[in-house]
Amino acid sequence: MKSATFNSWGVGLRAKHFQDWHAASSIPMLEIMADNLIHHEGGPALWHTSRIAERAAAVVLHGVAMNIGGANPLSLNYLAGIQKLIERFKPIVVSDHLCFSQAAGLQSYELLPLIRSRETLEHVIERVDFVQQFLGHQFTLENVSAYVSYKDDSIPEGDFLSEIAHRSGCGILLDVNNVFVTSKNFNLDPLDELKRFDLNAVNQIHVAGHSLKEDFLFDTHDSLVCTDVWDLLRKTLETFKACNDRRVPVILENDNSEVILSDLLNELEAGKKFCLFGTPGTTSESSGRPSANGN
């Protein structure tokens, strides 16, 4: 791999770090959580985010409540809120998750995986078409981590999301940690599963930490990214470089309120160097971190 200059690296913007970002001499690409700001016409969160975003290298907008795979009608009020955020922040990518989060009038606060069937695929494509026409902007779907499977699953995840992207024109937000977590939970090879995704449709990448429970991995976003996941990202970028030379944002996610910004940026820098120069990691699935020199 010659270089990683074809990627734009950044982190998720969190309220805890507002003051540190204001004091920073430069700001990388930032991912803004849409649901923290939707329908805000003022207030501290919108003010801080707007001032910081003005100085960022670029902005991507990420949501969690679209319910793109659900049976309930899509919320026009929610979509109007996303549209206003697009107008305000001019994000290069607008995304949410390939999942459902509402059913039978109930709201789940987890991102629940869909039954990967032909029927579901047609349903999602129809809803993605509607969202893109409403927003006037390409929409992007992220693969989620999974802890259950369905007897009616008939299409592998990567193939499923890739066909949605091909037929609707939407993008793919490839979450490398989610691929790793899901693969390990179902005794699959992460690299084989990753190769199922159409990299030509990928317009953003996520990397994050996870936790090891008694008999499964859990996508928690509250720990360091383990070396195995950094290594999977490194292999992803090598494959991406071989087939595509577009600039694709790589966003490091961390929702741990105790993490200070300097540590988060150090982890991002170490991960970048690992992806460029490091050797494959040998740590456990839920621990380990590349150092800045790639060792």
C-alpha atoms as a PDB file:
ATOM      1  CA  MET A   1       0.000   0.000   0.000  1.00  0.00           C
ATOM      2  CA  LYS A   2       1.625   3.253  -1.102  1.00  0.00           C
ATOM      3  CA  SER A   3      -0.200   5.775   1.062  1.00  0.00           C
ATOM      4  CA  ALA A   4      -3.471   6.497   2.823  1.00  0.00           C
ATOM      5  CA  THR A   5      -3.874   9.993   1.429  1.00  0.00           C
ATOM      6  CA  PHE A   6      -6.960   8.821  -0.476  1.00  0.00           C
ATOM      7  CA  ASN A   7      -8.730   8.585   2.869  1.00  0.00           C
ATOM      8  CA  SER A   8      -9.990  11.347   5.116  1.00  0.00           C
ATOM      9  CA  TRP A   9      -9.671  10.383   8.759  1.00  0.00           C
ATOM     10  CA  GLY A  10     -11.731  11.793  11.598  1.00  0.00           C
ATOM     11  CA  VAL A  11     -13.793  11.184  14.716  1.00  0.00           C
ATOM     12  CA  GLY A  12     -17.331  11.499  15.949  1.00  0.00           C
ATOM     13  CA  LEU A  13     -18.169  14.884  17.487  1.00  0.00           C
ATOM     14  CA  ARG A  14     -19.296  14.572  21.119  1.00  0.00           C
ATOM     15  CA  ALA A  15     -20.508  17.306  23.476  1.00  0.00           C
ATOM     16  CA  LYS A  16     -17.836  16.468  26.047  1.00  0.00           C
ATOM     17  CA  HIS A  17     -15.171  17.680  23.623  1.00  0.00           C
ATOM     18  CA  PHE A  18     -16.769  20.966  22.514  1.00  0.00           C
ATOM     19  CA  GLN A  19     -14.383  23.221  24.444  1.00  0.00           C
ATOM     20  CA  ASP A  20     -11.320  21.253  23.349  1.00  0.00           C
ATOM     21  CA  TRP A  21     -12.356  21.559  19.701  1.00  0.00           C
ATOM     22  CA  HIS A  22     -12.843  25.311  20.057  1.00  0.00           C
ATOM     23  CA  ALA A  23      -9.264  25.552  21.343  1.00  0.00           C
ATOM     24  CA  ALA A  24      -7.784  23.231  18.696  1.00  0.00           C
ATOM     25  CA  SER A  25      -5.552  24.743  16.029  1.00  0.00           C
ATOM     26  CA  SER A  26      -7.029  22.443  13.377  1.00  0.00           C
ATOM     27  CA  ILE A  27     -10.025  20.117  13.182  1.00  0.00           C
ATOM     28  CA  PRO A  28     -10.161  16.903  11.136  1.00  0.00           C
ATOM     29  CA  MET A  29     -13.237  15.443   9.503  1.00  0.00           C
ATOM     30  CA  LEU A  30     -16.097  15.203  12.011  1.00  0.00           C
ATOM     31  CA  GLU A  31     -19.156  12.999  12.151  1.00  0.00           C
ATOM     32  CA  ILE A  32     -22.210  14.814  13.529  1.00  0.00           C
ATOM     33  CA  MET A  33     -24.965  12.788  15.197  1.00  0.00           C
ATOM     34  CA  ALA A  34     -28.170  13.984  13.578  1.00  0.00           C
ATOM     35  CA  ASP A  35     -30.451  12.876  16.418  1.00  0.00           C
ATOM     36  CA  ASN A  36     -28.657  15.138  18.894  1.00  0.00           C
ATOM     37  CA  LEU A  37     -29.609  18.202  16.848  1.00  0.00           C
ATOM     38  CA  ILE A  38     -32.715  17.369  14.869  1.00  0.00           C
ATOM     39  CA  HIS A  39     -35.388  20.102  15.014  1.00  0.00           C
ATOM     40  CA  HIS A  40     -33.110  22.366  17.101  1.00  0.00           C
ATOM     41  CA  GLU A  41     -33.534  26.002  16.127  1.00  0.00           C
ATOM     42  CA  GLY A  42     -31.045  27.227  18.713  1.00  0.00           C
ATOM     43  CA  GLY A  43     -29.413  26.274  21.999  1.00  0.00           C
ATOM     44  CA  PRO A  44     -25.881  25.412  23.096  1.00  0.00           C
ATOM     45  CA  ALA A  45     -25.540  22.094  21.244  1.00  0.00           C
ATOM     46  CA  LEU A  46     -26.434  23.588  17.879  1.00  0.00           C
ATOM     47  CA  TRP A  47     -24.283  26.684  18.481  1.00  0.00           C
ATOM     48  CA  HIS A  48     -21.179  24.709  19.470  1.00  0.00           C
ATOM     49  CA  THR A  49     -21.629  22.167  16.679  1.00  0.00           C
ATOM     50  CA  SER A  50     -22.088  24.882  14.059  1.00  0.00           C
ATOM     51  CA  ARG A  51     -18.987  26.832  15.128  1.00  0.00           C
ATOM     52  CA  ILE A  52     -16.839  23.692  15.266  1.00  0.00           C
ATOM     53  CA  ALA A  53     -18.152  22.301  11.984  1.00  0.00           C
ATOM     54  CA  GLU A  54     -17.236  25.550  10.214  1.00  0.00           C
ATOM     55  CA  ARG A  55     -13.560  24.806  10.933  1.00  0.00           C
ATOM     56  CA  ALA A  56     -13.648  21.054  10.270  1.00  0.00           C
ATOM     57  CA  ALA A  57     -11.936  19.544   7.256  1.00  0.00           C
ATOM     58  CA  ALA A  58     -15.347  18.157   6.265  1.00  0.00           C
ATOM     59  CA  VAL A  59     -18.538  16.905   7.898  1.00  0.00           C
ATOM     60  CA  VAL A  60     -20.550  13.696   7.640  1.00  0.00           C
ATOM     61  CA  LEU A  61     -24.048  13.373   9.126  1.00  0.00           C
ATOM     62  CA  HIS A  62     -25.062  10.154  10.881  1.00  0.00           C
ATOM     63  CA  GLY A  63     -28.442   9.116  12.295  1.00  0.00           C
ATOM     64  CA  VAL A  64     -29.883   6.266  14.329  1.00  0.00           C
ATOM     65  CA  ALA A  65     -33.664   6.662  14.099  1.00  0.00           C
ATOM     66  CA  MET A  66     -34.620   6.460  10.407  1.00  0.00           C
ATOM     67  CA  ASN A  67     -36.070   2.951  10.876  1.00  0.00           C
ATOM     68  CA  ILE A  68     -35.385   2.267   7.205  1.00  0.00           C
ATOM     69  CA  GLY A  69     -36.217  -1.425   7.483  1.00  0.00           C
ATOM     70  CA  GLY A  70     -39.308  -1.077   9.641  1.00  0.00           C
ATOM     71  CA  ALA A  71     -42.907  -1.646   8.634  1.00  0.00           C
ATOM     72  CA  ASN A  72     -44.143   1.676  10.031  1.00  0.00           C
ATOM     73  CA  PRO A  73     -44.397   4.570   7.562  1.00  0.00           C
ATOM     74  CA  LEU A  74     -41.269   6.699   7.439  1.00  0.00           C
ATOM     75  CA  SER A  75     -41.599   9.832   9.551  1.00  0.00           C
ATOM     76  CA  LEU A  76     -41.897  12.883   7.321  1.00  0.00           C
ATOM     77  CA  ASN A  77     -41.207  15.050  10.362  1.00  0.00           C
ATOM     78  CA  TYR A  78     -37.949  13.213  10.980  1.00  0.00           C
ATOM     79  CA  LEU A  79     -36.961  13.449   7.324  1.00  0.00           C
ATOM     80  CA  ALA A  80     -37.688  17.186   7.318  1.00  0.00           C
ATOM     81  CA  GLY A  81     -35.367  17.545  10.304  1.00  0.00           C
ATOM     82  CA  ILE A  82     -32.595  15.670   8.480  1.00  0.00           C
ATOM     83  CA  GLN A  83     -33.149  17.878   5.444  1.00  0.00           C
ATOM     84  CA  LYS A  84     -32.625  21.020   7.546  1.00  0.00           C
ATOM     85  CA  LEU A  85     -29.400  19.598   8.978  1.00  0.00           C
ATOM     86  CA  ILE A  86     -28.181  18.886   5.454  1.00  0.00           C
ATOM     87  CA  GLU A  87     -28.883  22.492   4.484  1.00  0.00           C
ATOM     88  CA  ARG A  88     -27.069  23.777   7.577  1.00  0.00           C
ATOM     89  CA  PHE A  89     -23.961  21.574   7.636  1.00  0.00           C
ATOM     90  CA  LYS A  90     -23.505  20.567   3.968  1.00  0.00           C
ATOM     91  CA  PRO A  91     -22.320  17.031   4.853  1.00  0.00           C
ATOM     92  CA  ILE A  92     -20.538  14.972   2.227  1.00  0.00           C
ATOM     93  CA  VAL A  93     -22.267  11.798   3.502  1.00  0.00           C
ATOM     94  CA  VAL A  94     -25.721  11.364   5.089  1.00  0.00           C
ATOM     95  CA  SER A  95     -26.232   7.990   6.727  1.00  0.00           C
ATOM     96  CA  ASP A  96     -28.245   5.750   9.005  1.00  0.00           C
ATOM     97  CA  HIS A  97     -28.380   2.030   9.726  1.00  0.00           C
ATOM     98  CA  LEU A  98     -29.718  -0.935   7.776  1.00  0.00           C
ATOM     99  CA  CYS A  99     -32.018  -2.104  10.549  1.00  0.00           C
ATOM    100  CA  PHE A 100     -35.385  -1.579  12.183  1.00  0.00           C
ATOM    101  CA  SER A 101     -35.959   0.176  15.492  1.00  0.00           C
ATOM    102  CA  GLN A 102     -39.758   0.373  15.699  1.00  0.00           C
ATOM    103  CA  ALA A 103     -42.471  -2.283  15.574  1.00  0.00           C
ATOM    104  CA  ALA A 104     -46.082  -2.606  16.734  1.00  0.00           C
ATOM    105  CA  GLY A 105     -46.027   0.956  18.019  1.00  0.00           C
ATOM    106  CA  LEU A 106     -42.997   0.326  20.218  1.00  0.00           C
ATOM    107  CA  GLN A 107     -39.600   2.033  20.001  1.00  0.00           C
ATOM    108  CA  SER A 108     -36.426  -0.003  20.442  1.00  0.00           C
ATOM    109  CA  TYR A 109     -33.258   1.727  21.500  1.00  0.00           C
ATOM    110  CA  GLU A 110     -31.218  -0.982  19.844  1.00  0.00           C
ATOM    111  CA  LEU A 111     -30.494  -1.262  16.126  1.00  0.00           C
ATOM    112  CA  LEU A 112     -32.210  -4.533  15.265  1.00  0.00           C
ATOM    113  CA  PRO A 113     -31.060  -6.590  12.260  1.00  0.00           C
ATOM    114  CA  LEU A 114     -33.451  -7.292   9.416  1.00  0.00           C
ATOM    115  CA  ILE A 115     -34.522 -10.609   7.976  1.00  0.00           C
ATOM    116  CA  ARG A 116     -32.335 -10.796   4.884  1.00  0.00           C
ATOM    117  CA  SER A 117     -34.898 -12.030   2.381  1.00  0.00           C
ATOM    118  CA  ARG A 118     -35.948 -10.928  -1.101  1.00  0.00           C
ATOM    119  CA  GLU A 119     -39.121  -9.456   0.347  1.00  0.00           C
ATOM    120  CA  THR A 120     -37.180  -7.335   2.850  1.00  0.00           C
ATOM    121  CA  LEU A 121     -34.745  -6.265   0.174  1.00  0.00           C
ATOM    122  CA  GLU A 122     -37.534  -4.914  -2.045  1.00  0.00           C
ATOM    123  CA  HIS A 123     -39.090  -3.162   0.958  1.00  0.00           C
ATOM    124  CA  VAL A 124     -35.833  -1.395   1.873  1.00  0.00           C
ATOM    125  CA  ILE A 125     -35.091  -0.354  -1.715  1.00  0.00           C
ATOM    126  CA  GLU A 126     -38.519   1.255  -1.997  1.00  0.00           C
ATOM    127  CA  ARG A 127     -37.986   3.188   1.239  1.00  0.00           C
ATOM    128  CA  VAL A 128     -34.456   4.257   0.306  1.00  0.00           C
ATOM    129  CA  ASP A 129     -35.772   5.620  -2.993  1.00  0.00           C
ATOM    130  CA  PHE A 130     -38.338   7.665  -1.078  1.00  0.00           C
ATOM    131  CA  VAL A 131     -35.747   9.007   1.377  1.00  0.00           C
ATOM    132  CA  GLN A 132     -33.355  10.070  -1.384  1.00  0.00           C
ATOM    133  CA  GLN A 133     -36.091  11.834  -3.329  1.00  0.00           C
ATOM    134  CA  PHE A 134     -37.301  13.599  -0.171  1.00  0.00           C
ATOM    135  CA  LEU A 135     -33.839  14.730   0.920  1.00  0.00           C
ATOM    136  CA  GLY A 136     -32.503  15.528  -2.537  1.00  0.00           C
ATOM    137  CA  HIS A 137     -29.293  13.859  -1.393  1.00  0.00           C
ATOM    138  CA  GLN A 138     -27.745  10.420  -1.629  1.00  0.00           C
ATOM    139  CA  PHE A 139     -28.549   8.324   1.412  1.00  0.00           C
ATOM    140  CA  THR A 140     -26.079   5.849   2.896  1.00  0.00           C
ATOM    141  CA  LEU A 141     -26.747   2.668   4.881  1.00  0.00           C
ATOM    142  CA  GLU A 142     -24.492   1.148   7.542  1.00  0.00           C
ATOM    143  CA  ASN A 143     -24.214  -2.544   8.335  1.00  0.00           C
ATOM    144  CA  VAL A 144     -25.084  -3.228  11.980  1.00  0.00           C
ATOM    145  CA  SER A 145     -23.643  -5.716  14.452  1.00  0.00           C
ATOM    146  CA  ALA A 146     -25.847  -8.769  15.008  1.00  0.00           C
ATOM    147  CA  TYR A 147     -26.412 -11.122  17.931  1.00  0.00           C
ATOM    148  CA  VAL A 148     -29.310 -13.152  16.516  1.00  0.00           C
ATOM    149  CA  SER A 149     -30.093 -14.679  13.144  1.00  0.00           C
ATOM    150  CA  TYR A 150     -33.423 -15.557  11.554  1.00  0.00           C
ATOM    151  CA  LYS A 151     -34.541 -18.832  10.029  1.00  0.00           C
ATOM    152  CA  ASP A 152     -35.713 -16.884   6.969  1.00  0.00           C
ATOM    153  CA  ASP A 153     -32.316 -15.275   6.306  1.00  0.00           C
ATOM    154  CA  SER A 154     -31.428 -16.225   2.739  1.00  0.00           C
ATOM    155  CA  ILE A 155     -28.907 -13.581   1.610  1.00  0.00           C
ATOM    156  CA  PRO A 156     -25.483 -12.903   3.197  1.00  0.00           C
ATOM    157  CA  GLU A 157     -25.231  -9.447   4.745  1.00  0.00           C
ATOM    158  CA  GLY A 158     -22.654  -8.032   2.356  1.00  0.00           C
ATOM    159  CA  ASP A 159     -24.538  -9.252  -0.704  1.00  0.00           C
ATOM    160  CA  PHE A 160     -27.804  -7.918   0.744  1.00  0.00           C
ATOM    161  CA  LEU A 161     -26.517  -4.392   1.360  1.00  0.00           C
ATOM    162  CA  SER A 162     -24.596  -4.334  -1.913  1.00  0.00           C
ATOM    163  CA  GLU A 163     -27.705  -5.161  -3.948  1.00  0.00           C
ATOM    164  CA  ILE A 164     -29.648  -2.421  -2.162  1.00  0.00           C
ATOM    165  CA  ALA A 165     -26.872   0.026  -3.038  1.00  0.00           C
ATOM    166  CA  HIS A 166     -26.681  -1.133  -6.652  1.00  0.00           C
ATOM    167  CA  ARG A 167     -30.416  -0.874  -7.285  1.00  0.00           C
ATOM    168  CA  SER A 168     -31.178   2.295  -5.311  1.00  0.00           C
ATOM    169  CA  GLY A 169     -27.977   4.249  -5.846  1.00  0.00           C
ATOM    170  CA  CYS A 170     -27.468   4.628  -2.102  1.00  0.00           C
ATOM    171  CA  GLY A 171     -24.047   4.437  -0.502  1.00  0.00           C
ATOM    172  CA  ILE A 172     -22.608   1.937   1.950  1.00  0.00           C
ATOM    173  CA  LEU A 173     -21.148   2.968   5.297  1.00  0.00           C
ATOM    174  CA  LEU A 174     -18.904  -0.011   5.958  1.00  0.00           C
ATOM    175  CA  ASP A 175     -18.508  -0.502   9.708  1.00  0.00           C
ATOM    176  CA  VAL A 176     -15.446  -2.721   9.967  1.00  0.00           C
ATOM    177  CA  ASN A 177     -15.959  -3.371  13.672  1.00  0.00           C
ATOM    178  CA  ASN A 178     -19.543  -4.483  13.045  1.00  0.00           C
ATOM    179  CA  VAL A 179     -18.337  -6.909  10.384  1.00  0.00           C
ATOM    180  CA  PHE A 180     -15.826  -8.273  12.886  1.00  0.00           C
ATOM    181  CA  VAL A 181     -18.326  -8.544  15.760  1.00  0.00           C
ATOM    182  CA  THR A 182     -21.035 -10.213  13.682  1.00  0.00           C
ATOM    183  CA  SER A 183     -18.574 -12.607  12.061  1.00  0.00           C
ATOM    184  CA  LYS A 184     -17.103 -13.722  15.370  1.00  0.00           C
ATOM    185  CA  ASN A 185     -20.565 -14.124  16.916  1.00  0.00           C
ATOM    186  CA  PHE A 186     -21.595 -16.508  14.126  1.00  0.00           C
ATOM    187  CA  ASN A 187     -18.268 -18.289  13.576  1.00  0.00           C
ATOM    188  CA  LEU A 188     -17.634 -16.678  10.209  1.00  0.00           C
ATOM    189  CA  ASP A 189     -14.381 -15.377   8.769  1.00  0.00           C
ATOM    190  CA  PRO A 190     -14.419 -11.536   9.009  1.00  0.00           C
ATOM    191  CA  LEU A 191     -12.295 -11.025   5.908  1.00  0.00           C
ATOM    192  CA  ASP A 192     -14.467 -13.345   3.825  1.00  0.00           C
ATOM    193  CA  GLU A 193     -17.584 -11.513   4.987  1.00  0.00           C
ATOM    194  CA  LEU A 194     -16.023  -8.129   4.293  1.00  0.00           C
ATOM    195  CA  LYS A 195     -15.264  -9.171   0.709  1.00  0.00           C
ATOM    196  CA  ARG A 196     -18.995  -9.563   0.079  1.00  0.00           C
ATOM    197  CA  PHE A 197     -19.494  -5.787   0.265  1.00  0.00           C
ATOM    198  CA  ASP A 198     -19.248  -3.854  -2.996  1.00  0.00           C
ATOM    199  CA  LEU A 199     -16.424  -1.440  -2.260  1.00  0.00           C
ATOM    200  CA  ASN A 200     -17.405   0.689  -5.240  1.00  0.00           C
ATOM    201  CA  ALA A 201     -20.530   1.669  -3.280  1.00  0.00           C
ATOM    202  CA  VAL A 202     -18.676   2.401  -0.033  1.00  0.00           C
ATOM    203  CA  ASN A 203     -18.502   6.130   0.701  1.00  0.00           C
ATOM    204  CA  GLN A 204     -17.620   6.010   4.407  1.00  0.00           C
ATOM    205  CA  ILE A 205     -15.989   3.633   6.900  1.00  0.00           C
ATOM    206  CA  HIS A 206     -16.447   3.250  10.661  1.00  0.00           C
ATOM    207  CA  VAL A 207     -14.052   1.718  13.149  1.00  0.00           C
ATOM    208  CA  ALA A 208     -14.778   1.331  16.860  1.00  0.00           C
ATOM    209  CA  GLY A 209     -14.165  -0.725  19.976  1.00  0.00           C
ATOM    210  CA  HIS A 210     -16.251  -3.589  21.325  1.00  0.00           C
ATOM    211  CA  SER A 211     -16.555  -5.658  24.488  1.00  0.00           C
ATOM    212  CA  LEU A 212     -16.110  -9.353  25.121  1.00  0.00           C
ATOM    213  CA  LYS A 213     -19.024 -10.887  27.007  1.00  0.00           C
ATOM    214  CA  GLU A 214     -19.168 -14.474  28.258  1.00  0.00           C
ATOM    215  CA  ASP A 215     -19.792 -16.045  24.866  1.00  0.00           C
ATOM    216  CA  PHE A 216     -20.164 -13.206  22.355  1.00  0.00           C
ATOM    217  CA  LEU A 217     -18.793  -9.841  21.274  1.00  0.00           C
ATOM    218  CA  PHE A 218     -20.850  -6.709  21.924  1.00  0.00           C
ATOM    219  CA  ASP A 219     -20.540  -3.478  19.919  1.00  0.00           C
ATOM    220  CA  THR A 220     -20.204  -0.935  22.748  1.00  0.00           C
ATOM    221  CA  HIS A 221     -18.102   1.937  21.309  1.00  0.00           C
ATOM    222  CA  ASP A 222     -16.633   2.469  24.771  1.00  0.00           C
ATOM    223  CA  SER A 223     -13.173   0.933  24.493  1.00  0.00           C
ATOM    224  CA  LEU A 224     -10.024   1.060  22.410  1.00  0.00           C
ATOM    225  CA  VAL A 225     -10.195  -0.487  18.963  1.00  0.00           C
ATOM    226  CA  CYS A 226      -8.528  -3.875  19.204  1.00  0.00           C
ATOM    227  CA  THR A 227      -5.608  -4.716  16.946  1.00  0.00           C
ATOM    228  CA  ASP A 228      -7.601  -7.379  15.096  1.00  0.00           C
ATOM    229  CA  VAL A 229     -10.129  -4.752  14.007  1.00  0.00           C
ATOM    230  CA  TRP A 230      -7.403  -2.281  13.014  1.00  0.00           C
ATOM    231  CA  ASP A 231      -5.861  -5.103  10.993  1.00  0.00           C
ATOM    232  CA  LEU A 232      -9.173  -5.803   9.274  1.00  0.00           C
ATOM    233  CA  LEU A 233      -9.409  -2.094   8.430  1.00  0.00           C
ATOM    234  CA  ARG A 234      -5.862  -2.183   7.062  1.00  0.00           C
ATOM    235  CA  LYS A 235      -6.772  -5.073   4.770  1.00  0.00           C
ATOM    236  CA  THR A 236      -9.967  -3.281   3.760  1.00  0.00           C
ATOM    237  CA  LEU A 237      -8.034  -0.168   2.760  1.00  0.00           C
ATOM    238  CA  GLU A 238      -5.521  -2.215   0.803  1.00  0.00           C
ATOM    239  CA  THR A 239      -8.362  -3.822  -1.139  1.00  0.00           C
ATOM    240  CA  PHE A 240     -10.065  -0.462  -1.561  1.00  0.00           C
ATOM    241  CA  LYS A 241      -6.904   1.132  -2.914  1.00  0.00           C
ATOM    242  CA  ALA A 242      -6.501  -1.659  -5.437  1.00  0.00           C
ATOM    243  CA  CYS A 243      -9.978  -1.176  -6.934  1.00  0.00           C
ATOM    244  CA  ASN A 244     -10.889   2.429  -6.188  1.00  0.00           C
ATOM    245  CA  ASP A 245      -9.020   5.672  -5.653  1.00  0.00           C
ATOM    246  CA  ARG A 246     -11.840   7.827  -4.267  1.00  0.00           C
ATOM    247  CA  ARG A 247     -11.469   9.694  -0.990  1.00  0.00           C
ATOM    248  CA  VAL A 248     -13.460   7.770   1.607  1.00  0.00           C
ATOM    249  CA  PRO A 249     -13.851   9.076   5.180  1.00  0.00           C
ATOM    250  CA  VAL A 250     -12.688   6.786   7.986  1.00  0.00           C
ATOM    251  CA  ILE A 251     -14.384   7.765  11.254  1.00  0.00           C
ATOM    252  CA  LEU A 252     -13.282   6.512  14.667  1.00  0.00           C
ATOM    253  CA  GLU A 253     -16.299   6.163  16.974  1.00  0.00           C
ATOM    254  CA  ASN A 254     -16.092   6.275  20.761  1.00  0.00           C
ATOM    255  CA  ASP A 255     -19.068   6.996  23.039  1.00  0.00           C
ATOM    256  CA  ASN A 256     -17.214   6.688  26.338  1.00  0.00           C
ATOM    257  CA  SER A 257     -17.813   9.991  28.136  1.00  0.00           C
ATOM    258  CA  GLU A 258     -14.581   9.529  30.106  1.00  0.00           C
ATOM    259  CA  VAL A 259     -12.321   9.545  27.043  1.00  0.00           C
ATOM    260  CA  ILE A 260     -10.494  12.853  26.597  1.00  0.00           C
ATOM    261  CA  LEU A 261     -10.046  14.275  23.119  1.00  0.00           C
ATOM    262  CA  SER A 262      -6.253  14.038  23.066  1.00  0.00           C
ATOM    263  CA  ASP A 263      -6.410  10.303  23.778  1.00  0.00           C
ATOM    264  CA  LEU A 264      -9.000   9.821  21.053  1.00  0.00           C
ATOM    265  CA  LEU A 265      -6.871  11.681  18.519  1.00  0.00           C
ATOM    266  CA  ASN A 266      -3.793   9.726  19.571  1.00  0.00           C
ATOM    267  CA  GLU A 267      -5.689   6.497  18.966  1.00  0.00           C
ATOM    268  CA  LEU A 268      -6.761   7.744  15.542  1.00  0.00           C
ATOM    269  CA  GLU A 269      -3.187   8.651  14.641  1.00  0.00           C
ATOM    270  CA  ALA A 270      -1.883   5.302  15.879  1.00  0.00           C
ATOM    271  CA  GLY A 271      -4.543   3.508  13.856  1.00  0.00           C
ATOM    272  CA  LYS A 272      -3.631   5.431  10.716  1.00  0.00           C
ATOM    273  CA  LYS A 273       0.028   4.482  11.089  1.00  0.00           C
ATOM    274  CA  PHE A 274      -0.882   0.892  11.806  1.00  0.00           C
ATOM    275  CA  CYS A 275      -2.956   0.727   8.629  1.00  0.00           C
ATOM    276  CA  LEU A 276      -0.010   2.117   6.679  1.00  0.00           C
ATOM    277  CA  PHE A 277       2.951   0.334   8.217  1.00  0.00           C
ATOM    278  CA  GLY A 278       1.843  -2.143  10.901  1.00  0.00           C
ATOM    279  CA  THR A 279       1.993  -5.884  10.893  1.00  0.00           C
ATOM    280  CA  PRO A 280      -1.170  -7.920  11.595  1.00  0.00           C
ATOM    281  CA  GLY A 281      -2.198  -7.856  15.253  1.00  0.00           C
ATOM    282  CA  THR A 282      -2.161 -10.916  17.479  1.00  0.00           C
ATOM    283  CA  THR A 283      -4.183  -9.611  20.428  1.00  0.00           C
ATOM    284  CA  SER A 284      -7.490 -10.981  21.660  1.00  0.00           C
ATOM    285  CA  GLU A 285     -10.779  -9.968  20.066  1.00  0.00           C
ATOM    286  CA  SER A 286     -11.632  -7.425  22.739  1.00  0.00           C
ATOM    287  CA  SER A 287      -8.317  -5.889  23.752  1.00  0.00           C
ATOM    288  CA  GLY A 288      -5.210  -4.403  22.281  1.00  0.00           C
ATOM    289  CA  ARG A 289      -4.293  -1.228  20.459  1.00  0.00           C
ATOM    290  CA  PRO A 290      -1.734  -0.413  17.768  1.00  0.00           C
ATOM    291  CA  SER A 291       1.022   1.873  18.887  1.00  0.00           C
ATOM    292  CA  ALA A 292       2.081   4.891  16.865  1.00  0.00           C
ATOM    293  CA  ASN A 293       5.092   3.054  15.461  1.00  0.00           C
ATOM    294  CA  GLY A 294       2.956   0.150  14.286  1.00  0.00           C
ATOM    295  CA  ASN A 295       4.249  -2.414  16.823  1.00  0.00           C
END
